[in-house]
Protein backbone atom coordinates (compact mmCIF):
# COMPACT_ATOMS: atom_id res chain seq x y z
CA UNK A 1 -180.17 -13.49 -33.74
CA UNK A 2 -176.42 -13.32 -32.33
CA UNK A 3 -175.51 -16.86 -30.74
CA UNK A 4 -178.33 -18.54 -32.62
CA UNK A 5 -177.50 -17.59 -35.94
CA UNK A 6 -174.03 -19.05 -35.52
CA UNK A 7 -175.51 -22.23 -33.75
CA UNK A 8 -177.97 -23.08 -36.48
CA UNK A 9 -175.21 -22.68 -39.00
CA UNK A 10 -173.16 -25.36 -37.15
CA UNK A 11 -176.26 -27.73 -36.33
CA UNK A 12 -177.17 -27.61 -40.24
CA UNK A 13 -173.66 -28.58 -41.53
CA UNK A 14 -173.31 -31.07 -39.17
CA UNK A 15 -176.86 -32.88 -39.91
CA UNK A 16 -175.56 -32.62 -43.65
CA UNK A 17 -172.12 -34.22 -42.77
CA UNK A 18 -170.23 -31.29 -43.57
CA UNK A 19 -168.00 -29.12 -41.86
CA UNK A 20 -168.51 -25.13 -41.54
CA UNK A 21 -166.14 -23.17 -43.32
CA UNK A 22 -165.36 -19.92 -41.61
CA UNK A 23 -163.65 -17.29 -43.65
CA UNK A 24 -161.65 -14.19 -42.38
CA UNK A 25 -161.22 -11.06 -44.38
CA UNK A 26 -159.81 -7.77 -43.68
CA UNK A 27 -162.73 -5.52 -43.56
CA UNK A 28 -162.01 -2.51 -45.84
CA UNK A 29 -159.06 -3.87 -48.11
CA UNK A 30 -159.20 -2.59 -50.61
CA UNK A 31 -162.31 -0.70 -49.71
CA UNK A 32 -165.45 -1.43 -47.53
CA UNK A 33 -167.76 -1.43 -51.04
CA UNK A 34 -165.49 -4.15 -52.22
CA UNK A 35 -165.68 -6.10 -48.60
CA UNK A 36 -169.48 -6.15 -48.95
CA UNK A 37 -169.30 -7.24 -52.39
CA UNK A 38 -167.04 -10.03 -51.64
CA UNK A 39 -169.11 -11.17 -48.39
CA UNK A 40 -171.91 -11.84 -50.68
CA UNK A 41 -169.53 -13.83 -53.36
CA UNK A 42 -168.09 -15.88 -50.37
CA UNK A 43 -171.59 -16.87 -49.24
CA UNK A 44 -172.38 -18.01 -52.52
CA UNK A 45 -169.28 -20.01 -52.91
CA UNK A 46 -169.79 -21.70 -50.00
CA UNK A 47 -168.42 -19.69 -46.88
CA UNK A 48 -170.52 -20.34 -43.76
CA UNK A 49 -169.55 -17.70 -41.51
CA UNK A 50 -167.79 -14.81 -42.16
CA UNK A 51 -165.07 -13.14 -39.58
CA UNK A 52 -164.82 -9.29 -40.42
CA UNK A 53 -161.55 -8.20 -39.44
CA UNK A 54 -161.47 -4.61 -37.76
CA UNK A 55 -158.12 -2.87 -38.72
CA UNK A 56 -155.73 -1.91 -36.23
CA UNK A 57 -152.45 -0.07 -36.13
CA UNK A 58 -150.80 -2.50 -34.04
CA UNK A 59 -151.84 -5.96 -34.69
CA UNK A 60 -149.86 -8.16 -32.51
CA UNK A 61 -151.43 -11.47 -33.24
CA UNK A 62 -151.21 -11.27 -36.96
CA UNK A 63 -148.54 -12.09 -39.27
CA UNK A 64 -147.21 -10.02 -41.94
CA UNK A 65 -150.07 -10.61 -44.54
CA UNK A 66 -153.06 -9.66 -42.25
CA UNK A 67 -150.83 -6.97 -40.81
CA UNK A 68 -150.20 -5.43 -44.67
CA UNK A 69 -154.21 -5.84 -45.36
CA UNK A 70 -154.89 -3.89 -41.91
CA UNK A 71 -152.70 -1.03 -42.67
CA UNK A 72 -153.99 -0.85 -46.09
CA UNK A 73 -157.78 -0.76 -44.69
CA UNK A 74 -156.79 2.01 -42.45
CA UNK A 75 -155.22 3.76 -45.10
CA UNK A 76 -158.52 3.40 -47.20
CA UNK A 77 -160.74 4.91 -43.97
CA UNK A 78 -162.20 1.64 -42.84
CA UNK A 79 -163.24 1.94 -38.75
CA UNK A 80 -165.20 -0.07 -36.47
CA UNK A 81 -168.16 2.38 -36.86
CA UNK A 82 -167.92 2.24 -40.50
CA UNK A 83 -167.74 -1.48 -40.64
CA UNK A 84 -170.60 -2.14 -38.40
CA UNK A 85 -172.70 0.09 -40.64
CA UNK A 86 -171.44 -2.03 -43.64
CA UNK A 87 -172.73 -5.08 -42.16
CA UNK A 88 -176.00 -3.22 -41.43
CA UNK A 89 -176.71 -2.84 -44.94
CA UNK A 90 -175.33 -6.35 -45.61
CA UNK A 91 -177.44 -7.96 -43.24
CA UNK A 92 -180.50 -6.62 -45.49
CA UNK A 93 -179.05 -8.87 -48.50
CA UNK A 94 -177.69 -11.95 -46.59
CA UNK A 95 -178.10 -14.18 -43.59
CA UNK A 96 -174.92 -15.70 -43.47
CA UNK A 97 -173.75 -15.29 -39.79
CA UNK A 98 -170.95 -12.24 -39.54
CA UNK A 99 -168.43 -11.93 -36.50
CA UNK A 100 -166.20 -9.06 -35.79
CA UNK A 101 -162.48 -9.71 -35.21
CA UNK A 102 -160.77 -6.89 -33.58
CA UNK A 103 -158.47 -5.79 -31.11
CA UNK A 104 -159.56 -4.73 -27.63
CA UNK A 105 -158.41 -0.89 -27.95
CA UNK A 106 -160.90 0.25 -30.96
CA UNK A 107 -163.69 -1.89 -28.76
CA UNK A 108 -162.75 0.16 -25.80
CA UNK A 109 -162.84 3.40 -27.36
CA UNK A 110 -166.36 2.67 -29.05
CA UNK A 111 -168.05 1.77 -25.46
CA UNK A 112 -168.68 -1.73 -24.86
CA UNK A 113 -172.54 -0.86 -24.11
CA UNK A 114 -172.65 1.13 -27.50
CA UNK A 115 -170.77 -1.69 -29.34
CA UNK A 116 -173.10 -4.37 -28.31
CA UNK A 117 -176.33 -2.33 -28.96
CA UNK A 118 -174.95 -1.23 -32.34
CA UNK A 119 -173.85 -4.86 -33.37
CA UNK A 120 -177.20 -6.28 -32.53
CA UNK A 121 -179.02 -3.47 -34.33
CA UNK A 122 -176.67 -4.11 -37.44
CA UNK A 123 -177.19 -7.86 -37.25
CA UNK A 124 -173.38 -8.66 -36.29
CA UNK A 125 -173.31 -11.85 -34.31
CA UNK A 126 -170.53 -12.25 -32.23
CA UNK A 127 -166.82 -11.18 -31.41
CA UNK A 128 -163.46 -12.38 -31.50
CA UNK A 129 -160.97 -10.32 -29.45
CA UNK A 130 -157.30 -12.14 -29.96
CA UNK A 131 -155.68 -9.82 -27.33
CA UNK A 132 -158.15 -9.73 -24.34
CA UNK A 133 -157.26 -12.10 -21.90
CA UNK A 134 -159.79 -14.13 -20.18
CA UNK A 135 -159.44 -12.60 -16.68
CA UNK A 136 -160.22 -9.14 -18.23
CA UNK A 137 -162.89 -10.07 -20.54
CA UNK A 138 -166.01 -9.94 -18.22
CA UNK A 139 -167.43 -6.34 -18.91
CA UNK A 140 -167.20 -7.36 -22.70
CA UNK A 141 -168.82 -10.46 -22.07
CA UNK A 142 -171.66 -9.21 -20.14
CA UNK A 143 -172.26 -6.55 -22.96
CA UNK A 144 -172.60 -8.95 -25.31
CA UNK A 145 -174.72 -11.23 -23.33
CA UNK A 146 -177.49 -8.78 -22.76
CA UNK A 147 -178.14 -9.01 -26.64
CA UNK A 148 -177.26 -12.92 -26.89
CA UNK A 149 -174.41 -11.86 -29.11
CA UNK A 150 -171.63 -14.63 -29.12
CA UNK A 151 -168.12 -14.25 -27.35
CA UNK A 152 -165.77 -16.39 -28.79
CA UNK A 153 -162.65 -17.06 -27.07
CA UNK A 154 -159.34 -18.15 -28.49
CA UNK A 155 -157.64 -21.16 -26.96
CA UNK A 156 -153.99 -22.47 -27.61
CA UNK A 157 -152.75 -25.57 -27.61
CA UNK A 158 -150.42 -24.95 -24.31
CA UNK A 159 -153.84 -23.35 -22.60
CA UNK A 160 -153.66 -25.26 -18.94
CA UNK A 161 -156.54 -27.55 -18.36
CA UNK A 162 -158.24 -25.55 -15.31
CA UNK A 163 -158.11 -22.10 -17.36
CA UNK A 164 -159.51 -24.01 -20.50
CA UNK A 165 -162.52 -25.15 -18.38
CA UNK A 166 -162.86 -21.39 -17.08
CA UNK A 167 -162.85 -20.03 -20.63
CA UNK A 168 -165.24 -22.65 -21.92
CA UNK A 169 -167.73 -22.19 -19.32
CA UNK A 170 -168.33 -18.67 -20.09
CA UNK A 171 -167.82 -18.97 -24.03
CA UNK A 172 -170.58 -18.78 -26.71
CA UNK A 173 -171.07 -19.18 -30.27
CA UNK A 174 -168.25 -21.41 -30.93
CA UNK A 175 -164.68 -21.97 -29.38
CA UNK A 176 -161.84 -20.95 -31.73
CA UNK A 177 -158.85 -23.25 -31.56
CA UNK A 178 -155.56 -21.82 -32.48
CA UNK A 179 -153.92 -24.69 -34.19
CA UNK A 180 -150.48 -23.78 -32.95
CA UNK A 181 -148.86 -20.75 -30.76
CA UNK A 182 -147.51 -17.87 -32.87
CA UNK A 183 -149.07 -15.23 -35.17
CA UNK A 184 -151.60 -16.00 -37.96
CA UNK A 185 -150.17 -16.90 -41.23
CA UNK A 186 -149.87 -20.12 -43.75
CA UNK A 187 -147.80 -23.06 -42.27
CA UNK A 188 -146.98 -26.37 -43.43
CA UNK A 189 -147.29 -28.82 -40.71
CA UNK A 190 -150.06 -28.16 -38.14
CA UNK A 191 -151.95 -31.47 -37.57
CA UNK A 192 -149.17 -32.91 -35.29
CA UNK A 193 -150.90 -33.62 -31.78
CA UNK A 194 -154.11 -32.06 -32.96
CA UNK A 195 -156.42 -35.07 -32.00
CA UNK A 196 -155.46 -34.91 -28.24
CA UNK A 197 -155.69 -31.08 -28.27
CA UNK A 198 -159.41 -31.32 -29.66
CA UNK A 199 -160.43 -34.17 -27.23
CA UNK A 200 -159.08 -31.85 -24.36
CA UNK A 201 -161.41 -29.06 -25.43
CA UNK A 202 -164.38 -31.22 -26.30
CA UNK A 203 -163.88 -32.78 -22.94
CA UNK A 204 -164.96 -29.53 -21.31
CA UNK A 205 -167.11 -27.89 -23.84
CA UNK A 206 -170.36 -28.80 -26.01
CA UNK A 207 -169.86 -25.99 -28.11
CA UNK A 208 -168.65 -26.24 -31.77
CA UNK A 209 -164.62 -26.19 -32.42
CA UNK A 210 -163.48 -24.12 -35.00
CA UNK A 211 -159.75 -24.50 -35.76
CA UNK A 212 -157.71 -21.76 -37.34
CA UNK A 213 -154.05 -20.14 -37.76
CA UNK A 214 -151.87 -21.64 -40.21
CA UNK A 215 -154.51 -23.66 -42.59
CA UNK A 216 -153.92 -22.54 -46.10
CA UNK A 217 -154.85 -25.03 -48.67
CA UNK A 218 -157.58 -27.65 -49.17
CA UNK A 219 -155.40 -30.45 -48.14
CA UNK A 220 -154.62 -28.85 -44.69
CA UNK A 221 -158.40 -28.12 -44.21
CA UNK A 222 -159.12 -31.78 -45.18
CA UNK A 223 -156.60 -33.17 -42.93
CA UNK A 224 -157.87 -31.43 -39.98
CA UNK A 225 -161.68 -31.45 -40.62
CA UNK A 226 -162.19 -34.82 -39.03
CA UNK A 227 -161.15 -33.36 -35.60
CA UNK A 228 -163.44 -30.28 -35.53
CA UNK A 229 -166.68 -28.51 -36.43
CA UNK A 230 -165.16 -25.77 -38.18
CA UNK A 231 -162.50 -24.82 -40.35
CA UNK A 232 -161.07 -21.06 -40.20
CA UNK A 233 -159.12 -19.63 -43.09
CA UNK A 234 -157.89 -16.15 -42.96
CA UNK A 235 -154.45 -15.30 -44.43
CA UNK A 236 -154.66 -17.38 -47.48
CA UNK A 237 -157.81 -15.58 -48.18
CA UNK A 238 -156.51 -12.06 -47.61
CA UNK A 239 -153.15 -13.05 -49.46
CA UNK A 240 -155.08 -14.30 -52.45
CA UNK A 241 -157.22 -11.24 -52.57
CA UNK A 242 -154.19 -9.09 -52.53
CA UNK A 243 -152.16 -10.92 -54.91
CA UNK A 244 -154.67 -12.66 -57.33
CA UNK A 245 -158.01 -10.71 -56.96
CA UNK A 246 -161.82 -11.76 -55.88
CA UNK A 247 -161.79 -14.54 -58.42
CA UNK A 248 -159.36 -16.44 -57.40
CA UNK A 249 -160.64 -15.89 -53.81
CA UNK A 250 -164.04 -17.37 -54.69
CA UNK A 251 -162.04 -20.40 -56.46
CA UNK A 252 -159.85 -20.95 -53.13
CA UNK A 253 -163.08 -21.01 -51.00
CA UNK A 254 -165.00 -23.47 -53.27
CA UNK A 255 -162.06 -25.73 -53.29
CA UNK A 256 -161.90 -25.30 -49.28
CA UNK A 257 -165.33 -26.08 -49.14
CA UNK A 258 -165.44 -29.10 -51.09
CA UNK A 259 -162.24 -30.44 -49.06
CA UNK A 260 -164.21 -30.38 -45.52
């Protein structure tokens, strides 16, 4: 279903007067079996879209929390192919949209055509690649488009408008707006200038906007929600899972969903 499964989720939430909650987890931390179980629990707790983080040995866009989770997942044997296999098994049990978030190197090694075909077969709906510049993304975008899979770009507050227009024109699924420059992680003040930033993106695209990087609490999610269509939470979930376990993560996700 790809793009349509993501679009249907945003539309249903919008019609119900809600924002979509997009939850990032580091696939394979502590194990792929645990990740599969967690996805089902997150869906039941109110998560609307799941980002499955593909572990990589040099995660340059991530802060220390997700870096550490990535290393743990690699040590436990997680890989892109195993994560796709896990998603395929999961798709038989849940209809929640799932997107991969991966650095470009593992995708290239896998082969872009094979990747898109296997994602489609597994029921994975889209892809986010934080270290792939738009100018170099056409081969990947074309591979994804062949199967109506979402190619979800990242936009930063300092992205110039002409470049923003080009990126938005080729985006699908939703636009991932980074709330601030820098790496992933929980921040204190993230709403400064956000309204003007969101208006700038809305002026060039009708796609839903998801905001992430730095959102760690229900209070922050609530303050950001009026300006966007989806709230993306990653580091807070990964940190809570590692420090406090699954039950605490489910509690956090329920509180986040209630806040938006």
